[in-house]
């Protein structure tokens, strides 16, 4: 079974993007790395084919960033507003041979980037579903403006509907020294959103020595809505690289000539 999406970019515990993952970041690489590595392996080919630059929106702790930079020969821009996650990302880059000089880390939102025309590949994992609809549509337009014509965008499919009832998932466990780290995810419908609650436990022998919990919201989106929003922003869905990831192409810029001899860009 594919692991459910990791914690979103906007934390309901603290309420602001920069403070998200304050509790989750400690457990992220230990319990979420396997699914990120699977996506990273698939994205190595597109990264190697990039000829202008790569943008990763929601770079997290750098689990995918490392592969994008290692497989490519172009500048890589990693966007991560969450301070806790960005700290791990920077530590990972500093420890990796040669990557720190090739990856620029941005602490801002996508809408604040000044990279128009500087990327031909955008990777956006576990972010889109975490955006309220109005903000999501803004991000589509922003990414279209950053990508060169014919550039590619890869992102994971958002959930298509609300769950009918609460669901529980065990994310797995990992041993570190004498401790066992365990992750759980509980999800349930909440108005027009899905509420995700991540619970992390640290067990030593037969007792829980630490417990952390963070909650996030996801917005489901049907495929027709997704296609409509992408088309409105200037994208065309081509296919899925893997079951839960879509490949989308930035359509060429078209100039429409008006009767007065001027033109407008579409």
C-alpha atoms as a PDB file:
ATOM      1  CA  UNK A   1       0.000   0.000   0.000  1.00  0.00           C
ATOM      2  CA  UNK A   2       1.259   3.472  -0.851  1.00  0.00           C
ATOM      3  CA  UNK A   3       2.003   5.481   2.264  1.00  0.00           C
ATOM      4  CA  UNK A   4      -0.449   8.336   2.822  1.00  0.00           C
ATOM      5  CA  UNK A   5       0.875  11.811   2.215  1.00  0.00           C
ATOM      6  CA  UNK A   6       3.205  13.127   4.875  1.00  0.00           C
ATOM      7  CA  UNK A   7       2.364  16.136   7.028  1.00  0.00           C
ATOM      8  CA  UNK A   8       1.259  19.127   5.051  1.00  0.00           C
ATOM      9  CA  UNK A   9       2.937  22.483   4.676  1.00  0.00           C
ATOM     10  CA  UNK A  10       0.474  24.279   6.947  1.00  0.00           C
ATOM     11  CA  UNK A  11       0.237  23.093  10.535  1.00  0.00           C
ATOM     12  CA  UNK A  12      -3.079  23.423  12.354  1.00  0.00           C
ATOM     13  CA  UNK A  13      -1.290  23.217  15.699  1.00  0.00           C
ATOM     14  CA  UNK A  14       0.677  26.416  15.184  1.00  0.00           C
ATOM     15  CA  UNK A  15      -1.359  27.934  12.341  1.00  0.00           C
ATOM     16  CA  UNK A  16       1.475  29.406  10.266  1.00  0.00           C
ATOM     17  CA  UNK A  17       3.553  27.859   7.441  1.00  0.00           C
ATOM     18  CA  UNK A  18       6.924  28.809   8.939  1.00  0.00           C
ATOM     19  CA  UNK A  19       6.130  27.025  12.194  1.00  0.00           C
ATOM     20  CA  UNK A  20       4.840  23.831  10.593  1.00  0.00           C
ATOM     21  CA  UNK A  21       6.557  20.532  11.358  1.00  0.00           C
ATOM     22  CA  UNK A  22       7.884  21.853  14.659  1.00  0.00           C
ATOM     23  CA  UNK A  23       7.040  18.461  16.170  1.00  0.00           C
ATOM     24  CA  UNK A  24       7.096  16.241  13.072  1.00  0.00           C
ATOM     25  CA  UNK A  25      10.516  17.177  11.673  1.00  0.00           C
ATOM     26  CA  UNK A  26      12.359  15.084  14.261  1.00  0.00           C
ATOM     27  CA  UNK A  27      10.620  11.929  13.045  1.00  0.00           C
ATOM     28  CA  UNK A  28      10.412  12.682   9.352  1.00  0.00           C
ATOM     29  CA  UNK A  29      13.458  10.954   7.900  1.00  0.00           C
ATOM     30  CA  UNK A  30      13.076   7.997  10.245  1.00  0.00           C
ATOM     31  CA  UNK A  31       9.469   7.204   9.353  1.00  0.00           C
ATOM     32  CA  UNK A  32       8.701   8.826   5.965  1.00  0.00           C
ATOM     33  CA  UNK A  33      11.909   8.340   3.990  1.00  0.00           C
ATOM     34  CA  UNK A  34      10.979   5.125   2.167  1.00  0.00           C
ATOM     35  CA  UNK A  35       8.079   6.598   0.182  1.00  0.00           C
ATOM     36  CA  UNK A  36      10.074   9.735  -0.662  1.00  0.00           C
ATOM     37  CA  UNK A  37      12.968   7.609  -1.922  1.00  0.00           C
ATOM     38  CA  UNK A  38      10.567   5.760  -4.236  1.00  0.00           C
ATOM     39  CA  UNK A  39       9.430   9.029  -5.814  1.00  0.00           C
ATOM     40  CA  UNK A  40      12.995  10.320  -5.946  1.00  0.00           C
ATOM     41  CA  UNK A  41      14.151   7.300  -7.946  1.00  0.00           C
ATOM     42  CA  UNK A  42      11.408   7.921 -10.538  1.00  0.00           C
ATOM     43  CA  UNK A  43      12.280  11.625 -10.773  1.00  0.00           C
ATOM     44  CA  UNK A  44      15.992  11.041 -11.383  1.00  0.00           C
ATOM     45  CA  UNK A  45      15.368  10.660 -15.137  1.00  0.00           C
ATOM     46  CA  UNK A  46      13.493  13.944 -15.590  1.00  0.00           C
ATOM     47  CA  UNK A  47      16.113  15.673 -13.424  1.00  0.00           C
ATOM     48  CA  UNK A  48      18.909  14.386 -15.642  1.00  0.00           C
ATOM     49  CA  UNK A  49      17.055  15.700 -18.701  1.00  0.00           C
ATOM     50  CA  UNK A  50      16.630  19.229 -17.283  1.00  0.00           C
ATOM     51  CA  UNK A  51      18.535  21.847 -19.264  1.00  0.00           C
ATOM     52  CA  UNK A  52      17.599  25.135 -17.540  1.00  0.00           C
ATOM     53  CA  UNK A  53      16.976  24.631 -13.837  1.00  0.00           C
ATOM     54  CA  UNK A  54      14.967  22.642 -11.288  1.00  0.00           C
ATOM     55  CA  UNK A  55      12.536  23.927  -8.682  1.00  0.00           C
ATOM     56  CA  UNK A  56      11.368  21.739  -5.806  1.00  0.00           C
ATOM     57  CA  UNK A  57       8.379  23.206  -4.012  1.00  0.00           C
ATOM     58  CA  UNK A  58       8.068  21.824  -0.489  1.00  0.00           C
ATOM     59  CA  UNK A  59      11.565  20.346  -0.291  1.00  0.00           C
ATOM     60  CA  UNK A  60      11.118  19.219   3.309  1.00  0.00           C
ATOM     61  CA  UNK A  61      14.220  17.591   4.752  1.00  0.00           C
ATOM     62  CA  UNK A  62      15.804  17.156   1.313  1.00  0.00           C
ATOM     63  CA  UNK A  63      15.050  13.471   0.718  1.00  0.00           C
ATOM     64  CA  UNK A  64      14.133  14.213  -2.923  1.00  0.00           C
ATOM     65  CA  UNK A  65      16.347  17.299  -3.287  1.00  0.00           C
ATOM     66  CA  UNK A  66      19.425  15.133  -2.912  1.00  0.00           C
ATOM     67  CA  UNK A  67      18.427  12.988  -5.900  1.00  0.00           C
ATOM     68  CA  UNK A  68      17.353  15.936  -8.069  1.00  0.00           C
ATOM     69  CA  UNK A  69      20.707  17.632  -7.547  1.00  0.00           C
ATOM     70  CA  UNK A  70      22.747  14.452  -7.873  1.00  0.00           C
ATOM     71  CA  UNK A  71      21.101  13.418 -11.142  1.00  0.00           C
ATOM     72  CA  UNK A  72      21.225  16.839 -12.821  1.00  0.00           C
ATOM     73  CA  UNK A  73      23.796  19.366 -13.989  1.00  0.00           C
ATOM     74  CA  UNK A  74      21.629  22.503 -13.673  1.00  0.00           C
ATOM     75  CA  UNK A  75      20.925  24.850 -10.743  1.00  0.00           C
ATOM     76  CA  UNK A  76      18.440  23.461  -8.212  1.00  0.00           C
ATOM     77  CA  UNK A  77      16.127  25.669  -6.138  1.00  0.00           C
ATOM     78  CA  UNK A  78      14.647  24.065  -3.013  1.00  0.00           C
ATOM     79  CA  UNK A  79      11.702  25.915  -1.467  1.00  0.00           C
ATOM     80  CA  UNK A  80      10.897  25.124   2.175  1.00  0.00           C
ATOM     81  CA  UNK A  81       9.132  27.696   4.374  1.00  0.00           C
ATOM     82  CA  UNK A  82       9.001  25.468   7.480  1.00  0.00           C
ATOM     83  CA  UNK A  83      11.964  26.308   9.708  1.00  0.00           C
ATOM     84  CA  UNK A  84      12.240  22.879  11.329  1.00  0.00           C
ATOM     85  CA  UNK A  85      12.308  21.054   7.985  1.00  0.00           C
ATOM     86  CA  UNK A  86      14.622  23.586   6.386  1.00  0.00           C
ATOM     87  CA  UNK A  87      17.161  23.067   9.175  1.00  0.00           C
ATOM     88  CA  UNK A  88      17.405  19.360   8.314  1.00  0.00           C
ATOM     89  CA  UNK A  89      17.535  20.179   4.585  1.00  0.00           C
ATOM     90  CA  UNK A  90      20.489  22.528   5.043  1.00  0.00           C
ATOM     91  CA  UNK A  91      22.306  20.001   7.239  1.00  0.00           C
ATOM     92  CA  UNK A  92      21.792  17.326   4.582  1.00  0.00           C
ATOM     93  CA  UNK A  93      23.180  19.574   1.846  1.00  0.00           C
ATOM     94  CA  UNK A  94      26.163  20.581   3.970  1.00  0.00           C
ATOM     95  CA  UNK A  95      27.031  16.919   4.550  1.00  0.00           C
ATOM     96  CA  UNK A  96      26.610  15.858   0.908  1.00  0.00           C
ATOM     97  CA  UNK A  97      29.684  16.095  -1.290  1.00  0.00           C
ATOM     98  CA  UNK A  98      29.354  18.976  -3.748  1.00  0.00           C
ATOM     99  CA  UNK A  99      25.605  19.568  -3.349  1.00  0.00           C
ATOM    100  CA  UNK A 100      25.757  22.648  -1.134  1.00  0.00           C
ATOM    101  CA  UNK A 101      27.278  24.640  -3.997  1.00  0.00           C
ATOM    102  CA  UNK A 102      24.505  23.658  -6.428  1.00  0.00           C
ATOM    103  CA  UNK A 103      21.299  23.932  -4.402  1.00  0.00           C
ATOM    104  CA  UNK A 104      19.835  27.293  -3.422  1.00  0.00           C
ATOM    105  CA  UNK A 105      17.420  27.071  -0.491  1.00  0.00           C
ATOM    106  CA  UNK A 106      14.472  29.486  -0.395  1.00  0.00           C
ATOM    107  CA  UNK A 107      12.536  30.115   2.817  1.00  0.00           C
ATOM    108  CA  UNK A 108       9.702  31.972   1.058  1.00  0.00           C
ATOM    109  CA  UNK A 109       6.472  30.839  -0.582  1.00  0.00           C
ATOM    110  CA  UNK A 110       6.370  30.009  -4.293  1.00  0.00           C
ATOM    111  CA  UNK A 111       4.537  33.258  -5.000  1.00  0.00           C
ATOM    112  CA  UNK A 112       7.539  35.239  -3.700  1.00  0.00           C
ATOM    113  CA  UNK A 113      10.157  33.606  -5.923  1.00  0.00           C
ATOM    114  CA  UNK A 114      11.941  35.652  -8.576  1.00  0.00           C
ATOM    115  CA  UNK A 115      12.832  32.787 -10.924  1.00  0.00           C
ATOM    116  CA  UNK A 116      10.649  33.382 -13.986  1.00  0.00           C
ATOM    117  CA  UNK A 117      12.060  31.493 -16.967  1.00  0.00           C
ATOM    118  CA  UNK A 118      14.845  29.912 -14.916  1.00  0.00           C
ATOM    119  CA  UNK A 119      13.420  26.393 -14.537  1.00  0.00           C
ATOM    120  CA  UNK A 120      12.242  23.694 -16.917  1.00  0.00           C
ATOM    121  CA  UNK A 121      11.362  21.153 -14.226  1.00  0.00           C
ATOM    122  CA  UNK A 122       9.214  21.622 -11.124  1.00  0.00           C
ATOM    123  CA  UNK A 123       8.718  18.924  -8.504  1.00  0.00           C
ATOM    124  CA  UNK A 124       5.959  19.401  -5.959  1.00  0.00           C
ATOM    125  CA  UNK A 125       5.361  16.459  -3.623  1.00  0.00           C
ATOM    126  CA  UNK A 126       2.853  16.451  -0.765  1.00  0.00           C
ATOM    127  CA  UNK A 127       1.998  20.103  -1.147  1.00  0.00           C
ATOM    128  CA  UNK A 128      -0.908  20.598  -3.563  1.00  0.00           C
ATOM    129  CA  UNK A 129      -3.514  18.787  -1.446  1.00  0.00           C
ATOM    130  CA  UNK A 130      -2.488  20.890   1.547  1.00  0.00           C
ATOM    131  CA  UNK A 131      -3.517  24.169  -0.079  1.00  0.00           C
ATOM    132  CA  UNK A 132      -6.980  25.731   0.221  1.00  0.00           C
ATOM    133  CA  UNK A 133      -8.598  25.929  -3.250  1.00  0.00           C
ATOM    134  CA  UNK A 134      -7.996  29.652  -3.845  1.00  0.00           C
ATOM    135  CA  UNK A 135      -4.349  29.374  -2.834  1.00  0.00           C
ATOM    136  CA  UNK A 136      -3.946  26.216  -4.908  1.00  0.00           C
ATOM    137  CA  UNK A 137      -5.155  28.007  -8.040  1.00  0.00           C
ATOM    138  CA  UNK A 138      -2.702  30.821  -7.337  1.00  0.00           C
ATOM    139  CA  UNK A 139       0.135  28.309  -7.044  1.00  0.00           C
ATOM    140  CA  UNK A 140      -0.749  26.743 -10.420  1.00  0.00           C
ATOM    141  CA  UNK A 141      -0.483  30.171 -12.050  1.00  0.00           C
ATOM    142  CA  UNK A 142       2.738  30.927 -10.206  1.00  0.00           C
ATOM    143  CA  UNK A 143       4.376  27.689 -11.335  1.00  0.00           C
ATOM    144  CA  UNK A 144       3.262  28.291 -14.917  1.00  0.00           C
ATOM    145  CA  UNK A 145       4.957  31.677 -14.773  1.00  0.00           C
ATOM    146  CA  UNK A 146       8.193  30.214 -13.455  1.00  0.00           C
ATOM    147  CA  UNK A 147       8.451  27.377 -15.970  1.00  0.00           C
ATOM    148  CA  UNK A 148       9.755  27.887 -19.482  1.00  0.00           C
ATOM    149  CA  UNK A 149       7.295  26.852 -22.237  1.00  0.00           C
ATOM    150  CA  UNK A 150       7.192  23.046 -22.569  1.00  0.00           C
ATOM    151  CA  UNK A 151       8.623  22.731 -19.046  1.00  0.00           C
ATOM    152  CA  UNK A 152       7.439  19.862 -16.852  1.00  0.00           C
ATOM    153  CA  UNK A 153       5.677  19.744 -13.487  1.00  0.00           C
ATOM    154  CA  UNK A 154       5.454  16.567 -11.410  1.00  0.00           C
ATOM    155  CA  UNK A 155       3.205  16.297  -8.371  1.00  0.00           C
ATOM    156  CA  UNK A 156       1.388  13.626  -6.416  1.00  0.00           C
ATOM    157  CA  UNK A 157      -2.329  13.156  -6.957  1.00  0.00           C
ATOM    158  CA  UNK A 158      -4.515  14.832  -4.325  1.00  0.00           C
ATOM    159  CA  UNK A 159      -7.273  12.727  -2.743  1.00  0.00           C
ATOM    160  CA  UNK A 160     -10.365  12.713  -4.943  1.00  0.00           C
ATOM    161  CA  UNK A 161     -12.941  12.647  -2.155  1.00  0.00           C
ATOM    162  CA  UNK A 162     -13.514  12.820   1.562  1.00  0.00           C
ATOM    163  CA  UNK A 163     -13.158   9.544   3.458  1.00  0.00           C
ATOM    164  CA  UNK A 164     -16.526   8.009   4.309  1.00  0.00           C
ATOM    165  CA  UNK A 165     -15.394   7.272   7.863  1.00  0.00           C
ATOM    166  CA  UNK A 166     -12.303   7.764  10.046  1.00  0.00           C
ATOM    167  CA  UNK A 167      -9.304   5.694   8.948  1.00  0.00           C
ATOM    168  CA  UNK A 168      -6.134   4.699  10.762  1.00  0.00           C
ATOM    169  CA  UNK A 169      -2.749   3.887   9.224  1.00  0.00           C
ATOM    170  CA  UNK A 170       0.455   2.621  10.810  1.00  0.00           C
ATOM    171  CA  UNK A 171       3.347   4.432   9.113  1.00  0.00           C
ATOM    172  CA  UNK A 172       5.903   1.950  10.329  1.00  0.00           C
ATOM    173  CA  UNK A 173       8.598   1.807  12.952  1.00  0.00           C
ATOM    174  CA  UNK A 174      12.359   2.216  13.168  1.00  0.00           C
ATOM    175  CA  UNK A 175      14.926   1.255  15.766  1.00  0.00           C
ATOM    176  CA  UNK A 176      17.461   3.844  16.959  1.00  0.00           C
ATOM    177  CA  UNK A 177      19.682   2.583  19.755  1.00  0.00           C
ATOM    178  CA  UNK A 178      17.502   1.297  22.582  1.00  0.00           C
ATOM    179  CA  UNK A 179      14.424   3.113  21.272  1.00  0.00           C
ATOM    180  CA  UNK A 180      11.724   2.181  18.785  1.00  0.00           C
ATOM    181  CA  UNK A 181      10.111   5.043  16.861  1.00  0.00           C
ATOM    182  CA  UNK A 182       6.535   4.433  15.686  1.00  0.00           C
ATOM    183  CA  UNK A 183       4.271   6.602  13.523  1.00  0.00           C
ATOM    184  CA  UNK A 184       0.474   6.564  13.225  1.00  0.00           C
ATOM    185  CA  UNK A 185      -1.867   8.550  10.986  1.00  0.00           C
ATOM    186  CA  UNK A 186      -5.568   9.039  11.650  1.00  0.00           C
ATOM    187  CA  UNK A 187      -7.722  10.792   9.052  1.00  0.00           C
ATOM    188  CA  UNK A 188     -11.359  11.802   9.026  1.00  0.00           C
ATOM    189  CA  UNK A 189     -13.692  14.158   7.142  1.00  0.00           C
ATOM    190  CA  UNK A 190     -14.104  17.649   8.542  1.00  0.00           C
ATOM    191  CA  UNK A 191     -16.466  19.877   6.545  1.00  0.00           C
ATOM    192  CA  UNK A 192     -14.960  20.096   3.038  1.00  0.00           C
ATOM    193  CA  UNK A 193     -11.504  18.987   4.205  1.00  0.00           C
ATOM    194  CA  UNK A 194      -9.695  15.925   5.480  1.00  0.00           C
ATOM    195  CA  UNK A 195      -8.096  16.248   8.890  1.00  0.00           C
ATOM    196  CA  UNK A 196      -4.820  14.363   9.273  1.00  0.00           C
ATOM    197  CA  UNK A 197      -3.449  13.732  12.746  1.00  0.00           C
ATOM    198  CA  UNK A 198       0.061  12.303  12.967  1.00  0.00           C
ATOM    199  CA  UNK A 199       1.066  10.661  16.222  1.00  0.00           C
ATOM    200  CA  UNK A 200       4.672   9.720  16.904  1.00  0.00           C
ATOM    201  CA  UNK A 201       5.724   7.482  19.780  1.00  0.00           C
ATOM    202  CA  UNK A 202       9.157   6.675  21.159  1.00  0.00           C
ATOM    203  CA  UNK A 203       9.195   3.370  23.025  1.00  0.00           C
ATOM    204  CA  UNK A 204      11.957   2.094  25.283  1.00  0.00           C
ATOM    205  CA  UNK A 205      11.517  -1.477  26.385  1.00  0.00           C
ATOM    206  CA  UNK A 206       7.849  -1.724  27.397  1.00  0.00           C
ATOM    207  CA  UNK A 207       7.019   1.946  27.978  1.00  0.00           C
ATOM    208  CA  UNK A 208       6.389   5.081  25.901  1.00  0.00           C
ATOM    209  CA  UNK A 209       9.016   7.659  26.831  1.00  0.00           C
ATOM    210  CA  UNK A 210       7.879  10.373  24.415  1.00  0.00           C
ATOM    211  CA  UNK A 211       4.817  11.221  22.367  1.00  0.00           C
ATOM    212  CA  UNK A 212       4.324  13.973  19.741  1.00  0.00           C
ATOM    213  CA  UNK A 213       1.285  14.861  17.694  1.00  0.00           C
ATOM    214  CA  UNK A 214       0.589  17.322  14.873  1.00  0.00           C
ATOM    215  CA  UNK A 215      -2.572  17.932  12.874  1.00  0.00           C
ATOM    216  CA  UNK A 216      -2.984  19.132   9.275  1.00  0.00           C
ATOM    217  CA  UNK A 217      -5.734  19.679   6.711  1.00  0.00           C
ATOM    218  CA  UNK A 218      -5.964  18.393   3.136  1.00  0.00           C
ATOM    219  CA  UNK A 219      -8.451  19.502   0.472  1.00  0.00           C
ATOM    220  CA  UNK A 220      -9.746  16.758  -1.843  1.00  0.00           C
ATOM    221  CA  UNK A 221     -10.180  17.487  -5.553  1.00  0.00           C
ATOM    222  CA  UNK A 222     -11.894  15.499  -8.288  1.00  0.00           C
ATOM    223  CA  UNK A 223     -10.013  14.764 -11.500  1.00  0.00           C
ATOM    224  CA  UNK A 224     -12.273  17.018 -13.629  1.00  0.00           C
ATOM    225  CA  UNK A 225     -11.622  19.903 -11.225  1.00  0.00           C
ATOM    226  CA  UNK A 226      -7.896  19.216 -11.335  1.00  0.00           C
ATOM    227  CA  UNK A 227      -7.851  19.148 -15.148  1.00  0.00           C
ATOM    228  CA  UNK A 228      -9.886  22.359 -15.318  1.00  0.00           C
ATOM    229  CA  UNK A 229      -7.599  24.240 -12.920  1.00  0.00           C
ATOM    230  CA  UNK A 230      -4.451  23.094 -14.710  1.00  0.00           C
ATOM    231  CA  UNK A 231      -5.811  24.048 -18.129  1.00  0.00           C
ATOM    232  CA  UNK A 232      -6.792  27.487 -16.855  1.00  0.00           C
ATOM    233  CA  UNK A 233      -3.200  28.006 -15.655  1.00  0.00           C
ATOM    234  CA  UNK A 234      -1.686  26.901 -18.985  1.00  0.00           C
ATOM    235  CA  UNK A 235      -0.872  23.238 -18.241  1.00  0.00           C
ATOM    236  CA  UNK A 236      -1.706  19.950 -19.937  1.00  0.00           C
ATOM    237  CA  UNK A 237      -1.718  16.601 -18.096  1.00  0.00           C
ATOM    238  CA  UNK A 238       0.371  14.070 -20.012  1.00  0.00           C
ATOM    239  CA  UNK A 239       0.480  10.941 -17.857  1.00  0.00           C
ATOM    240  CA  UNK A 240       1.373   9.487 -14.491  1.00  0.00           C
ATOM    241  CA  UNK A 241       4.937   8.368 -13.842  1.00  0.00           C
ATOM    242  CA  UNK A 242       3.729   6.085 -11.100  1.00  0.00           C
ATOM    243  CA  UNK A 243       0.285   5.364  -9.719  1.00  0.00           C
ATOM    244  CA  UNK A 244       0.117   8.412  -7.473  1.00  0.00           C
ATOM    245  CA  UNK A 245       2.197  10.977  -9.396  1.00  0.00           C
ATOM    246  CA  UNK A 246       1.205  13.089 -12.429  1.00  0.00           C
ATOM    247  CA  UNK A 247       3.312  14.537 -15.228  1.00  0.00           C
ATOM    248  CA  UNK A 248       2.095  17.928 -16.472  1.00  0.00           C
ATOM    249  CA  UNK A 249       3.524  20.094 -19.261  1.00  0.00           C
ATOM    250  CA  UNK A 250       3.542  23.883 -19.476  1.00  0.00           C
ATOM    251  CA  UNK A 251       1.846  24.760 -22.746  1.00  0.00           C
ATOM    252  CA  UNK A 252       3.677  27.052 -25.185  1.00  0.00           C
ATOM    253  CA  UNK A 253       2.874  30.729 -24.767  1.00  0.00           C
ATOM    254  CA  UNK A 254       0.406  31.855 -27.388  1.00  0.00           C
ATOM    255  CA  UNK A 255       0.063  35.437 -28.559  1.00  0.00           C
ATOM    256  CA  UNK A 256      -3.445  36.454 -29.593  1.00  0.00           C
ATOM    257  CA  UNK A 257      -3.536  39.436 -31.925  1.00  0.00           C
ATOM    258  CA  UNK A 258      -6.265  42.014 -31.452  1.00  0.00           C
ATOM    259  CA  UNK A 259      -7.962  44.049 -34.130  1.00  0.00           C
ATOM    260  CA  UNK A 260      -6.041  47.201 -33.182  1.00  0.00           C
ATOM    261  CA  UNK A 261      -2.738  45.618 -34.087  1.00  0.00           C
ATOM    262  CA  UNK A 262      -1.768  44.860 -30.518  1.00  0.00           C
ATOM    263  CA  UNK A 263      -1.613  41.473 -28.855  1.00  0.00           C
ATOM    264  CA  UNK A 264      -2.122  39.797 -25.562  1.00  0.00           C
ATOM    265  CA  UNK A 265      -0.396  36.717 -24.177  1.00  0.00           C
ATOM    266  CA  UNK A 266      -2.424  33.630 -23.308  1.00  0.00           C
END
